[in-house]
Amino acid sequence: MITSDAGGQLGVLDIVHDGVHTLMLSGELDIASFGRLETATRQLTANGARSITLDLRELEFMDLAGLRAILEVHERFEEGGYELRLIPGPWQIQSLFERTGLLKVLPFSSAD
C-alpha cells in the first residue's frame, strides 16, 4: 500500500481490486507534490501492475504542474503498454482538463 498525506499536500492511497490498482488522490496536486504521483506510479509498475486508475474525486486543487504530471504518467503508460484510466474529479479539477482540451485526450471514465 502506498500512502502519503501531509496536510493540504497530496494524499495517495493505493486500493487494489481484482489486480487493478486505484490511486485515490486527495488534497493538492501541484508543483510541490507532483513527484509523489510519479513515484507512486513508477513503484506500482516496477512491482508488476499493468493497469492503474487515478481517482481524482478527492482532489481539492490542481495547477498546471499537476496537469503535467498526469500527462507524463499518461505518456509513459502509452509507451510502456500499461493501461491508465482516470475517474473525474470535482468541477474545479475537471474544468482545467476542459479548458486545456484534454478531456478528449485522456482516458476518463466513470467510477465503478
PDB file of N, CA and C in Angstrom:
ATOM      1  N   MET A   1       0.844  -1.178   0.000  1.00  0.00           N
ATOM      2  CA  MET A   1       0.000   0.000   0.000  1.00  0.00           C
ATOM      3  C   MET A   1       0.886   1.237   0.000  1.00  0.00           C
ATOM      4  N   ILE A   2       0.535   2.185  -0.822  1.00  0.00           N
ATOM      5  CA  ILE A   2       1.234   3.464  -0.864  1.00  0.00           C
ATOM      6  C   ILE A   2       0.320   4.482  -0.214  1.00  0.00           C
ATOM      7  N   THR A   3       0.803   5.118   0.811  1.00  0.00           N
ATOM      8  CA  THR A   3       0.010   6.177   1.423  1.00  0.00           C
ATOM      9  C   THR A   3       0.890   7.375   1.678  1.00  0.00           C
ATOM     10  N   SER A   4       0.305   8.510   1.599  1.00  0.00           N
ATOM     11  CA  SER A   4       1.017   9.742   1.895  1.00  0.00           C
ATOM     12  C   SER A   4      -0.022  10.809   2.141  1.00  0.00           C
ATOM     13  N   ASP A   5       0.165  11.566   3.168  1.00  0.00           N
ATOM     14  CA  ASP A   5      -0.715  12.698   3.407  1.00  0.00           C
ATOM     15  C   ASP A   5       0.018  13.664   4.314  1.00  0.00           C
ATOM     16  N   ALA A   6       0.188  14.862   3.824  1.00  0.00           N
ATOM     17  CA  ALA A   6       0.900  15.867   4.603  1.00  0.00           C
ATOM     18  C   ALA A   6       0.068  17.138   4.644  1.00  0.00           C
ATOM     19  N   GLY A   7      -1.094  17.071   5.279  1.00  0.00           N
ATOM     20  CA  GLY A   7      -1.977  18.201   5.455  1.00  0.00           C
ATOM     21  C   GLY A   7      -1.968  19.241   4.358  1.00  0.00           C
ATOM     22  N   GLY A   8      -2.918  19.179   3.451  1.00  0.00           N
ATOM     23  CA  GLY A   8      -3.010  20.126   2.371  1.00  0.00           C
ATOM     24  C   GLY A   8      -2.157  19.757   1.178  1.00  0.00           C
ATOM     25  N   GLN A   9      -1.272  18.815   1.330  1.00  0.00           N
ATOM     26  CA  GLN A   9      -0.445  18.342   0.231  1.00  0.00           C
ATOM     27  C   GLN A   9      -1.208  17.247  -0.505  1.00  0.00           C
ATOM     28  N   LEU A  10      -0.479  16.384  -1.174  1.00  0.00           N
ATOM     29  CA  LEU A  10      -1.104  15.305  -1.924  1.00  0.00           C
ATOM     30  C   LEU A  10      -1.153  14.028  -1.097  1.00  0.00           C
ATOM     31  N   GLY A  11      -2.348  13.485  -0.949  1.00  0.00           N
ATOM     32  CA  GLY A  11      -2.515  12.185  -0.337  1.00  0.00           C
ATOM     33  C   GLY A  11      -2.680  11.154  -1.435  1.00  0.00           C
ATOM     34  N   VAL A  12      -2.026  10.009  -1.291  1.00  0.00           N
ATOM     35  CA  VAL A  12      -2.101   8.932  -2.270  1.00  0.00           C
ATOM     36  C   VAL A  12      -2.410   7.641  -1.529  1.00  0.00           C
ATOM     37  N   LEU A  13      -3.531   7.033  -1.870  1.00  0.00           N
ATOM     38  CA  LEU A  13      -3.922   5.770  -1.265  1.00  0.00           C
ATOM     39  C   LEU A  13      -4.098   4.750  -2.378  1.00  0.00           C
ATOM     40  N   ASP A  14      -3.380   3.637  -2.295  1.00  0.00           N
ATOM     41  CA  ASP A  14      -3.452   2.577  -3.303  1.00  0.00           C
ATOM     42  C   ASP A  14      -4.487   1.544  -2.867  1.00  0.00           C
ATOM     43  N   ILE A  15      -5.541   1.404  -3.666  1.00  0.00           N
ATOM     44  CA  ILE A  15      -6.589   0.424  -3.408  1.00  0.00           C
ATOM     45  C   ILE A  15      -6.533  -0.602  -4.527  1.00  0.00           C
ATOM     46  N   VAL A  16      -6.400  -1.899  -4.175  1.00  0.00           N
ATOM     47  CA  VAL A  16      -6.283  -2.956  -5.183  1.00  0.00           C
ATOM     48  C   VAL A  16      -7.554  -3.784  -5.178  1.00  0.00           C
ATOM     49  N   HIS A  17      -8.134  -3.964  -6.374  1.00  0.00           N
ATOM     50  CA  HIS A  17      -9.332  -4.788  -6.532  1.00  0.00           C
ATOM     51  C   HIS A  17      -9.218  -5.559  -7.843  1.00  0.00           C
ATOM     52  N   ASP A  18      -9.229  -6.874  -7.755  1.00  0.00           N
ATOM     53  CA  ASP A  18      -9.100  -7.742  -8.933  1.00  0.00           C
ATOM     54  C   ASP A  18      -7.857  -7.415  -9.755  1.00  0.00           C
ATOM     55  N   GLY A  19      -6.756  -7.124  -9.085  1.00  0.00           N
ATOM     56  CA  GLY A  19      -5.496  -6.854  -9.758  1.00  0.00           C
ATOM     57  C   GLY A  19      -5.353  -5.469 -10.348  1.00  0.00           C
ATOM     58  N   VAL A  20      -6.384  -4.650 -10.211  1.00  0.00           N
ATOM     59  CA  VAL A  20      -6.318  -3.279 -10.714  1.00  0.00           C
ATOM     60  C   VAL A  20      -6.050  -2.341  -9.540  1.00  0.00           C
ATOM     61  N   HIS A  21      -5.036  -1.536  -9.705  1.00  0.00           N
ATOM     62  CA  HIS A  21      -4.684  -0.566  -8.670  1.00  0.00           C
ATOM     63  C   HIS A  21      -5.402   0.745  -8.938  1.00  0.00           C
ATOM     64  N   THR A  22      -6.057   1.257  -7.908  1.00  0.00           N
ATOM     65  CA  THR A  22      -6.658   2.583  -7.975  1.00  0.00           C
ATOM     66  C   THR A  22      -5.919   3.464  -7.003  1.00  0.00           C
ATOM     67  N   LEU A  23      -5.341   4.532  -7.524  1.00  0.00           N
ATOM     68  CA  LEU A  23      -4.692   5.511  -6.670  1.00  0.00           C
ATOM     69  C   LEU A  23      -5.702   6.611  -6.382  1.00  0.00           C
ATOM     70  N   MET A  24      -6.174   6.651  -5.149  1.00  0.00           N
ATOM     71  CA  MET A  24      -7.104   7.682  -4.700  1.00  0.00           C
ATOM     72  C   MET A  24      -6.261   8.889  -4.318  1.00  0.00           C
ATOM     73  N   LEU A  25      -6.379   9.954  -5.115  1.00  0.00           N
ATOM     74  CA  LEU A  25      -5.615  11.170  -4.865  1.00  0.00           C
ATOM     75  C   LEU A  25      -6.473  12.148  -4.086  1.00  0.00           C
ATOM     76  N   SER A  26      -5.893  12.761  -3.071  1.00  0.00           N
ATOM     77  CA  SER A  26      -6.631  13.740  -2.270  1.00  0.00           C
ATOM     78  C   SER A  26      -5.726  14.921  -1.970  1.00  0.00           C
ATOM     79  N   GLY A  27      -6.365  16.050  -1.697  1.00  0.00           N
ATOM     80  CA  GLY A  27      -5.602  17.248  -1.370  1.00  0.00           C
ATOM     81  C   GLY A  27      -5.216  18.024  -2.604  1.00  0.00           C
ATOM     82  N   GLU A  28      -3.908  18.315  -2.738  1.00  0.00           N
ATOM     83  CA  GLU A  28      -3.424  19.200  -3.788  1.00  0.00           C
ATOM     84  C   GLU A  28      -2.380  18.518  -4.666  1.00  0.00           C
ATOM     85  N   LEU A  29      -2.635  18.520  -5.963  1.00  0.00           N
ATOM     86  CA  LEU A  29      -1.662  18.034  -6.933  1.00  0.00           C
ATOM     87  C   LEU A  29      -1.098  19.271  -7.633  1.00  0.00           C
ATOM     88  N   ASP A  30       0.110  19.651  -7.199  1.00  0.00           N
ATOM     89  CA  ASP A  30       0.709  20.890  -7.704  1.00  0.00           C
ATOM     90  C   ASP A  30       2.216  20.722  -7.814  1.00  0.00           C
ATOM     91  N   ILE A  31       2.901  21.814  -8.036  1.00  0.00           N
ATOM     92  CA  ILE A  31       4.352  21.757  -8.241  1.00  0.00           C
ATOM     93  C   ILE A  31       5.085  21.179  -7.028  1.00  0.00           C
ATOM     94  N   ALA A  32       4.532  21.369  -5.839  1.00  0.00           N
ATOM     95  CA  ALA A  32       5.173  20.862  -4.624  1.00  0.00           C
ATOM     96  C   ALA A  32       4.961  19.367  -4.420  1.00  0.00           C
ATOM     97  N   SER A  33       3.962  18.788  -5.082  1.00  0.00           N
ATOM     98  CA  SER A  33       3.618  17.389  -4.795  1.00  0.00           C
ATOM     99  C   SER A  33       3.581  16.472  -6.007  1.00  0.00           C
ATOM    100  N   PHE A  34       3.804  16.996  -7.223  1.00  0.00           N
ATOM    101  CA  PHE A  34       3.643  16.156  -8.402  1.00  0.00           C
ATOM    102  C   PHE A  34       4.590  14.962  -8.409  1.00  0.00           C
ATOM    103  N   GLY A  35       5.744  15.077  -7.750  1.00  0.00           N
ATOM    104  CA  GLY A  35       6.689  13.967  -7.681  1.00  0.00           C
ATOM    105  C   GLY A  35       6.125  12.749  -6.971  1.00  0.00           C
ATOM    106  N   ARG A  36       5.189  12.950  -6.054  1.00  0.00           N
ATOM    107  CA  ARG A  36       4.573  11.817  -5.340  1.00  0.00           C
ATOM    108  C   ARG A  36       3.768  10.946  -6.294  1.00  0.00           C
ATOM    109  N   LEU A  37       3.080  11.580  -7.236  1.00  0.00           N
ATOM    110  CA  LEU A  37       2.316  10.807  -8.225  1.00  0.00           C
ATOM    111  C   LEU A  37       3.264  10.009  -9.107  1.00  0.00           C
ATOM    112  N   GLU A  38       4.321  10.636  -9.566  1.00  0.00           N
ATOM    113  CA  GLU A  38       5.318   9.961 -10.398  1.00  0.00           C
ATOM    114  C   GLU A  38       5.920   8.773  -9.648  1.00  0.00           C
ATOM    115  N   THR A  39       6.327   8.988  -8.411  1.00  0.00           N
ATOM    116  CA  THR A  39       6.923   7.926  -7.602  1.00  0.00           C
ATOM    117  C   THR A  39       5.946   6.773  -7.393  1.00  0.00           C
ATOM    118  N   ALA A  40       4.697   7.083  -7.067  1.00  0.00           N
ATOM    119  CA  ALA A  40       3.699   6.046  -6.810  1.00  0.00           C
ATOM    120  C   ALA A  40       3.441   5.201  -8.048  1.00  0.00           C
ATOM    121  N   THR A  41       3.287   5.835  -9.218  1.00  0.00           N
ATOM    122  CA  THR A  41       3.001   5.063 -10.432  1.00  0.00           C
ATOM    123  C   THR A  41       4.219   4.252 -10.864  1.00  0.00           C
ATOM    124  N   ARG A  42       5.400   4.814 -10.724  1.00  0.00           N
ATOM    125  CA  ARG A  42       6.614   4.054 -11.076  1.00  0.00           C
ATOM    126  C   ARG A  42       6.806   2.849 -10.153  1.00  0.00           C
ATOM    127  N   GLN A  43       6.525   3.034  -8.876  1.00  0.00           N
ATOM    128  CA  GLN A  43       6.661   1.938  -7.918  1.00  0.00           C
ATOM    129  C   GLN A  43       5.691   0.802  -8.260  1.00  0.00           C
ATOM    130  N   LEU A  44       4.454   1.158  -8.593  1.00  0.00           N
ATOM    131  CA  LEU A  44       3.469   0.128  -8.918  1.00  0.00           C
ATOM    132  C   LEU A  44       3.831  -0.631 -10.191  1.00  0.00           C
ATOM    133  N   THR A  45       4.241   0.077 -11.228  1.00  0.00           N
ATOM    134  CA  THR A  45       4.598  -0.619 -12.466  1.00  0.00           C
ATOM    135  C   THR A  45       5.862  -1.457 -12.282  1.00  0.00           C
ATOM    136  N   ALA A  46       6.799  -0.983 -11.468  1.00  0.00           N
ATOM    137  CA  ALA A  46       8.003  -1.765 -11.188  1.00  0.00           C
ATOM    138  C   ALA A  46       7.663  -3.054 -10.447  1.00  0.00           C
ATOM    139  N   ASN A  47       6.574  -3.025  -9.680  1.00  0.00           N
ATOM    140  CA  ASN A  47       6.137  -4.209  -8.936  1.00  0.00           C
ATOM    141  C   ASN A  47       5.158  -5.068  -9.726  1.00  0.00           C
ATOM    142  N   GLY A  48       4.974  -4.768 -11.019  1.00  0.00           N
ATOM    143  CA  GLY A  48       4.173  -5.638 -11.882  1.00  0.00           C
ATOM    144  C   GLY A  48       2.771  -5.179 -12.220  1.00  0.00           C
ATOM    145  N   ALA A  49       2.346  -4.034 -11.713  1.00  0.00           N
ATOM    146  CA  ALA A  49       0.999  -3.549 -12.043  1.00  0.00           C
ATOM    147  C   ALA A  49       0.944  -3.196 -13.525  1.00  0.00           C
ATOM    148  N   ARG A  50      -0.098  -3.646 -14.209  1.00  0.00           N
ATOM    149  CA  ARG A  50      -0.276  -3.348 -15.632  1.00  0.00           C
ATOM    150  C   ARG A  50      -1.424  -2.380 -15.872  1.00  0.00           C
ATOM    151  N   SER A  51      -2.276  -2.202 -14.862  1.00  0.00           N
ATOM    152  CA  SER A  51      -3.441  -1.337 -15.001  1.00  0.00           C
ATOM    153  C   SER A  51      -3.584  -0.489 -13.735  1.00  0.00           C
ATOM    154  N   ILE A  52      -3.679   0.828 -13.944  1.00  0.00           N
ATOM    155  CA  ILE A  52      -3.808   1.749 -12.820  1.00  0.00           C
ATOM    156  C   ILE A  52      -4.900   2.763 -13.141  1.00  0.00           C
ATOM    157  N   THR A  53      -5.716   3.021 -12.144  1.00  0.00           N
ATOM    158  CA  THR A  53      -6.741   4.053 -12.237  1.00  0.00           C
ATOM    159  C   THR A  53      -6.354   5.186 -11.302  1.00  0.00           C
ATOM    160  N   LEU A  54      -6.423   6.410 -11.800  1.00  0.00           N
ATOM    161  CA  LEU A  54      -6.229   7.584 -10.952  1.00  0.00           C
ATOM    162  C   LEU A  54      -7.601   8.138 -10.630  1.00  0.00           C
ATOM    163  N   ASP A  55      -7.967   8.103  -9.367  1.00  0.00           N
ATOM    164  CA  ASP A  55      -9.259   8.610  -8.908  1.00  0.00           C
ATOM    165  C   ASP A  55      -9.059  10.039  -8.409  1.00  0.00           C
ATOM    166  N   LEU A  56      -9.631  10.985  -9.140  1.00  0.00           N
ATOM    167  CA  LEU A  56      -9.431  12.402  -8.854  1.00  0.00           C
ATOM    168  C   LEU A  56     -10.542  13.011  -8.001  1.00  0.00           C
ATOM    169  N   ARG A  57     -11.494  12.211  -7.561  1.00  0.00           N
ATOM    170  CA  ARG A  57     -12.678  12.745  -6.877  1.00  0.00           C
ATOM    171  C   ARG A  57     -12.377  13.480  -5.581  1.00  0.00           C
ATOM    172  N   GLU A  58     -11.272  13.155  -4.915  1.00  0.00           N
ATOM    173  CA  GLU A  58     -10.953  13.793  -3.633  1.00  0.00           C
ATOM    174  C   GLU A  58      -9.939  14.926  -3.759  1.00  0.00           C
ATOM    175  N   LEU A  59      -9.518  15.238  -4.988  1.00  0.00           N
ATOM    176  CA  LEU A  59      -8.599  16.355  -5.167  1.00  0.00           C
ATOM    177  C   LEU A  59      -9.320  17.665  -4.893  1.00  0.00           C
ATOM    178  N   GLU A  60      -8.655  18.556  -4.201  1.00  0.00           N
ATOM    179  CA  GLU A  60      -9.210  19.876  -3.899  1.00  0.00           C
ATOM    180  C   GLU A  60      -8.606  20.961  -4.778  1.00  0.00           C
ATOM    181  N   PHE A  61      -7.383  20.722  -5.268  1.00  0.00           N
ATOM    182  CA  PHE A  61      -6.687  21.716  -6.064  1.00  0.00           C
ATOM    183  C   PHE A  61      -5.722  21.020  -7.005  1.00  0.00           C
ATOM    184  N   MET A  62      -5.607  21.551  -8.221  1.00  0.00           N
ATOM    185  CA  MET A  62      -4.600  21.081  -9.162  1.00  0.00           C
ATOM    186  C   MET A  62      -4.191  22.260 -10.032  1.00  0.00           C
ATOM    187  N   ASP A  63      -2.880  22.456 -10.184  1.00  0.00           N
ATOM    188  CA  ASP A  63      -2.397  23.517 -11.054  1.00  0.00           C
ATOM    189  C   ASP A  63      -1.824  22.898 -12.332  1.00  0.00           C
ATOM    190  N   LEU A  64      -1.185  23.713 -13.149  1.00  0.00           N
ATOM    191  CA  LEU A  64      -0.646  23.208 -14.409  1.00  0.00           C
ATOM    192  C   LEU A  64       0.459  22.182 -14.204  1.00  0.00           C
ATOM    193  N   ALA A  65       1.192  22.254 -13.102  1.00  0.00           N
ATOM    194  CA  ALA A  65       2.205  21.237 -12.808  1.00  0.00           C
ATOM    195  C   ALA A  65       1.536  19.890 -12.516  1.00  0.00           C
ATOM    196  N   GLY A  66       0.412  19.913 -11.818  1.00  0.00           N
ATOM    197  CA  GLY A  66      -0.339  18.684 -11.571  1.00  0.00           C
ATOM    198  C   GLY A  66      -0.892  18.105 -12.853  1.00  0.00           C
ATOM    199  N   LEU A  67      -1.380  18.970 -13.712  1.00  0.00           N
ATOM    200  CA  LEU A  67      -1.878  18.534 -15.016  1.00  0.00           C
ATOM    201  C   LEU A  67      -0.747  17.901 -15.819  1.00  0.00           C
ATOM    202  N   ARG A  68       0.412  18.527 -15.787  1.00  0.00           N
ATOM    203  CA  ARG A  68       1.579  17.992 -16.497  1.00  0.00           C
ATOM    204  C   ARG A  68       1.985  16.639 -15.931  1.00  0.00           C
ATOM    205  N   ALA A  69       1.886  16.458 -14.610  1.00  0.00           N
ATOM    206  CA  ALA A  69       2.219  15.171 -14.000  1.00  0.00           C
ATOM    207  C   ALA A  69       1.310  14.069 -14.537  1.00  0.00           C
ATOM    208  N   ILE A  70       0.022  14.357 -14.658  1.00  0.00           N
ATOM    209  CA  ILE A  70      -0.918  13.366 -15.185  1.00  0.00           C
ATOM    210  C   ILE A  70      -0.610  13.080 -16.653  1.00  0.00           C
ATOM    211  N   LEU A  71      -0.291  14.111 -17.423  1.00  0.00           N
ATOM    212  CA  LEU A  71       0.075  13.905 -18.821  1.00  0.00           C
ATOM    213  C   LEU A  71       1.330  13.051 -18.959  1.00  0.00           C
ATOM    214  N   GLU A  72       2.310  13.271 -18.100  1.00  0.00           N
ATOM    215  CA  GLU A  72       3.532  12.471 -18.149  1.00  0.00           C
ATOM    216  C   GLU A  72       3.262  11.012 -17.815  1.00  0.00           C
ATOM    217  N   VAL A  73       2.409  10.765 -16.815  1.00  0.00           N
ATOM    218  CA  VAL A  73       2.032   9.388 -16.498  1.00  0.00           C
ATOM    219  C   VAL A  73       1.329   8.770 -17.701  1.00  0.00           C
ATOM    220  N   HIS A  74       0.415   9.501 -18.318  1.00  0.00           N
ATOM    221  CA  HIS A  74      -0.316   9.013 -19.486  1.00  0.00           C
ATOM    222  C   HIS A  74       0.649   8.647 -20.621  1.00  0.00           C
ATOM    223  N   GLU A  75       1.588   9.528 -20.919  1.00  0.00           N
ATOM    224  CA  GLU A  75       2.553   9.265 -21.988  1.00  0.00           C
ATOM    225  C   GLU A  75       3.427   8.048 -21.668  1.00  0.00           C
ATOM    226  N   ARG A  76       3.884   7.949 -20.430  1.00  0.00           N
ATOM    227  CA  ARG A  76       4.728   6.818 -20.023  1.00  0.00           C
ATOM    228  C   ARG A  76       3.954   5.507 -20.113  1.00  0.00           C
ATOM    229  N   PHE A  77       2.686   5.533 -19.734  1.00  0.00           N
ATOM    230  CA  PHE A  77       1.875   4.329 -19.796  1.00  0.00           C
ATOM    231  C   PHE A  77       1.620   3.905 -21.242  1.00  0.00           C
ATOM    232  N   GLU A  78       1.345   4.859 -22.110  1.00  0.00           N
ATOM    233  CA  GLU A  78       1.142   4.522 -23.525  1.00  0.00           C
ATOM    234  C   GLU A  78       2.391   3.889 -24.111  1.00  0.00           C
ATOM    235  N   GLU A  79       3.551   4.466 -23.822  1.00  0.00           N
ATOM    236  CA  GLU A  79       4.820   3.940 -24.331  1.00  0.00           C
ATOM    237  C   GLU A  79       5.137   2.562 -23.764  1.00  0.00           C
ATOM    238  N   GLY A  80       4.772   2.327 -22.509  1.00  0.00           N
ATOM    239  CA  GLY A  80       5.101   1.060 -21.847  1.00  0.00           C
ATOM    240  C   GLY A  80       4.047  -0.023 -21.996  1.00  0.00           C
ATOM    241  N   GLY A  81       2.922   0.291 -22.616  1.00  0.00           N
ATOM    242  CA  GLY A  81       1.868  -0.699 -22.797  1.00  0.00           C
ATOM    243  C   GLY A  81       1.029  -0.945 -21.548  1.00  0.00           C
ATOM    244  N   TYR A  82       1.006   0.026 -20.641  1.00  0.00           N
ATOM    245  CA  TYR A  82       0.185  -0.083 -19.440  1.00  0.00           C
ATOM    246  C   TYR A  82      -1.175   0.540 -19.701  1.00  0.00           C
ATOM    247  N   GLU A  83      -2.151   0.136 -18.900  1.00  0.00           N
ATOM    248  CA  GLU A  83      -3.488   0.706 -19.009  1.00  0.00           C
ATOM    249  C   GLU A  83      -3.677   1.770 -17.937  1.00  0.00           C
ATOM    250  N   LEU A  84      -4.131   2.941 -18.346  1.00  0.00           N
ATOM    251  CA  LEU A  84      -4.415   4.033 -17.423  1.00  0.00           C
ATOM    252  C   LEU A  84      -5.855   4.468 -17.610  1.00  0.00           C
ATOM    253  N   ARG A  85      -6.502   4.724 -16.496  1.00  0.00           N
ATOM    254  CA  ARG A  85      -7.871   5.234 -16.508  1.00  0.00           C
ATOM    255  C   ARG A  85      -7.946   6.348 -15.477  1.00  0.00           C
ATOM    256  N   LEU A  86      -8.759   7.354 -15.739  1.00  0.00           N
ATOM    257  CA  LEU A  86      -8.952   8.447 -14.794  1.00  0.00           C
ATOM    258  C   LEU A  86     -10.417   8.560 -14.436  1.00  0.00           C
ATOM    259  N   ILE A  87     -10.681   8.673 -13.144  1.00  0.00           N
ATOM    260  CA  ILE A  87     -12.037   8.938 -12.668  1.00  0.00           C
ATOM    261  C   ILE A  87     -12.125  10.442 -12.433  1.00  0.00           C
ATOM    262  N   PRO A  88     -13.077  11.109 -13.069  1.00  0.00           N
ATOM    263  CA  PRO A  88     -13.160  12.574 -12.996  1.00  0.00           C
ATOM    264  C   PRO A  88     -13.241  13.100 -11.572  1.00  0.00           C
ATOM    265  N   GLY A  89     -12.661  14.276 -11.405  1.00  0.00           N
ATOM    266  CA  GLY A  89     -12.686  14.953 -10.124  1.00  0.00           C
ATOM    267  C   GLY A  89     -13.801  15.975 -10.055  1.00  0.00           C
ATOM    268  N   PRO A  90     -13.794  16.792  -9.011  1.00  0.00           N
ATOM    269  CA  PRO A  90     -14.797  17.851  -8.875  1.00  0.00           C
ATOM    270  C   PRO A  90     -14.680  18.863 -10.014  1.00  0.00           C
ATOM    271  N   TRP A  91     -15.677  19.711 -10.147  1.00  0.00           N
ATOM    272  CA  TRP A  91     -15.751  20.626 -11.289  1.00  0.00           C
ATOM    273  C   TRP A  91     -14.507  21.482 -11.436  1.00  0.00           C
ATOM    274  N   GLN A  92     -13.915  21.936 -10.312  1.00  0.00           N
ATOM    275  CA  GLN A  92     -12.756  22.809 -10.424  1.00  0.00           C
ATOM    276  C   GLN A  92     -11.542  22.071 -10.993  1.00  0.00           C
ATOM    277  N   ILE A  93     -11.479  20.772 -10.782  1.00  0.00           N
ATOM    278  CA  ILE A  93     -10.406  19.957 -11.354  1.00  0.00           C
ATOM    279  C   ILE A  93     -10.721  19.673 -12.819  1.00  0.00           C
ATOM    280  N   GLN A  94     -11.936  19.236 -13.093  1.00  0.00           N
ATOM    281  CA  GLN A  94     -12.327  18.893 -14.464  1.00  0.00           C
ATOM    282  C   GLN A  94     -12.290  20.101 -15.385  1.00  0.00           C
ATOM    283  N   SER A  95     -12.565  21.290 -14.845  1.00  0.00           N
ATOM    284  CA  SER A  95     -12.551  22.477 -15.697  1.00  0.00           C
ATOM    285  C   SER A  95     -11.153  22.748 -16.250  1.00  0.00           C
ATOM    286  N   LEU A  96     -10.114  22.359 -15.517  1.00  0.00           N
ATOM    287  CA  LEU A  96      -8.751  22.521 -16.014  1.00  0.00           C
ATOM    288  C   LEU A  96      -8.524  21.618 -17.229  1.00  0.00           C
ATOM    289  N   PHE A  97      -9.006  20.384 -17.159  1.00  0.00           N
ATOM    290  CA  PHE A  97      -8.902  19.476 -18.309  1.00  0.00           C
ATOM    291  C   PHE A  97      -9.721  20.006 -19.488  1.00  0.00           C
ATOM    292  N   GLU A  98     -10.892  20.544 -19.190  1.00  0.00           N
ATOM    293  CA  GLU A  98     -11.761  21.072 -20.240  1.00  0.00           C
ATOM    294  C   GLU A  98     -11.124  22.283 -20.928  1.00  0.00           C
ATOM    295  N   ARG A  99     -10.622  23.223 -20.138  1.00  0.00           N
ATOM    296  CA  ARG A  99     -10.040  24.451 -20.689  1.00  0.00           C
ATOM    297  C   ARG A  99      -8.790  24.193 -21.512  1.00  0.00           C
ATOM    298  N   THR A 100      -8.081  23.100 -21.222  1.00  0.00           N
ATOM    299  CA  THR A 100      -6.861  22.777 -21.964  1.00  0.00           C
ATOM    300  C   THR A 100      -7.121  21.798 -23.111  1.00  0.00           C
ATOM    301  N   GLY A 101      -8.377  21.372 -23.289  1.00  0.00           N
ATOM    302  CA  GLY A 101      -8.715  20.456 -24.372  1.00  0.00           C
ATOM    303  C   GLY A 101      -8.313  19.014 -24.123  1.00  0.00           C
ATOM    304  N   LEU A 102      -8.026  18.669 -22.874  1.00  0.00           N
ATOM    305  CA  LEU A 102      -7.527  17.329 -22.573  1.00  0.00           C
ATOM    306  C   LEU A 102      -8.610  16.323 -22.180  1.00  0.00           C
ATOM    307  N   LEU A 103      -9.848  16.769 -22.070  1.00  0.00           N
ATOM    308  CA  LEU A 103     -10.920  15.826 -21.734  1.00  0.00           C
ATOM    309  C   LEU A 103     -11.039  14.723 -22.784  1.00  0.00           C
ATOM    310  N   LYS A 104     -10.784  15.078 -24.040  1.00  0.00           N
ATOM    311  CA  LYS A 104     -10.914  14.103 -25.124  1.00  0.00           C
ATOM    312  C   LYS A 104      -9.629  13.332 -25.365  1.00  0.00           C
ATOM    313  N   VAL A 105      -8.533  13.769 -24.755  1.00  0.00           N
ATOM    314  CA  VAL A 105      -7.239  13.137 -24.958  1.00  0.00           C
ATOM    315  C   VAL A 105      -6.968  12.070 -23.900  1.00  0.00           C
ATOM    316  N   LEU A 106      -7.339  12.365 -22.670  1.00  0.00           N
ATOM    317  CA  LEU A 106      -7.059  11.465 -21.560  1.00  0.00           C
ATOM    318  C   LEU A 106      -8.194  10.451 -21.376  1.00  0.00           C
ATOM    319  N   PRO A 107      -7.860   9.254 -20.859  1.00  0.00           N
ATOM    320  CA  PRO A 107      -8.834   8.166 -20.734  1.00  0.00           C
ATOM    321  C   PRO A 107      -9.743   8.288 -19.504  1.00  0.00           C
ATOM    322  N   PHE A 108     -10.679   9.233 -19.544  1.00  0.00           N
ATOM    323  CA  PHE A 108     -11.619   9.398 -18.443  1.00  0.00           C
ATOM    324  C   PHE A 108     -12.743   8.380 -18.548  1.00  0.00           C
ATOM    325  N   SER A 109     -13.183   7.895 -17.406  1.00  0.00           N
ATOM    326  CA  SER A 109     -14.350   7.017 -17.344  1.00  0.00           C
ATOM    327  C   SER A 109     -15.033   7.240 -16.022  1.00  0.00           C
ATOM    328  N   SER A 110     -16.217   6.721 -15.880  1.00  0.00           N
ATOM    329  CA  SER A 110     -16.971   6.913 -14.631  1.00  0.00           C
ATOM    330  C   SER A 110     -16.462   5.951 -13.571  1.00  0.00           C
ATOM    331  N   ALA A 111     -16.760   6.281 -12.325  1.00  0.00           N
ATOM    332  CA  ALA A 111     -16.404   5.396 -11.205  1.00  0.00           C
ATOM    333  C   ALA A 111     -17.289   4.166 -11.267  1.00  0.00           C
ATOM    334  N   ASP A 112     -16.713   3.050 -10.829  1.00  0.00           N
ATOM    335  CA  ASP A 112     -17.486   1.787 -10.819  1.00  0.00           C
ATOM    336  C   ASP A 112     -18.481   1.743  -9.705  1.00  0.00           C
TER     337      ASP A 112
END
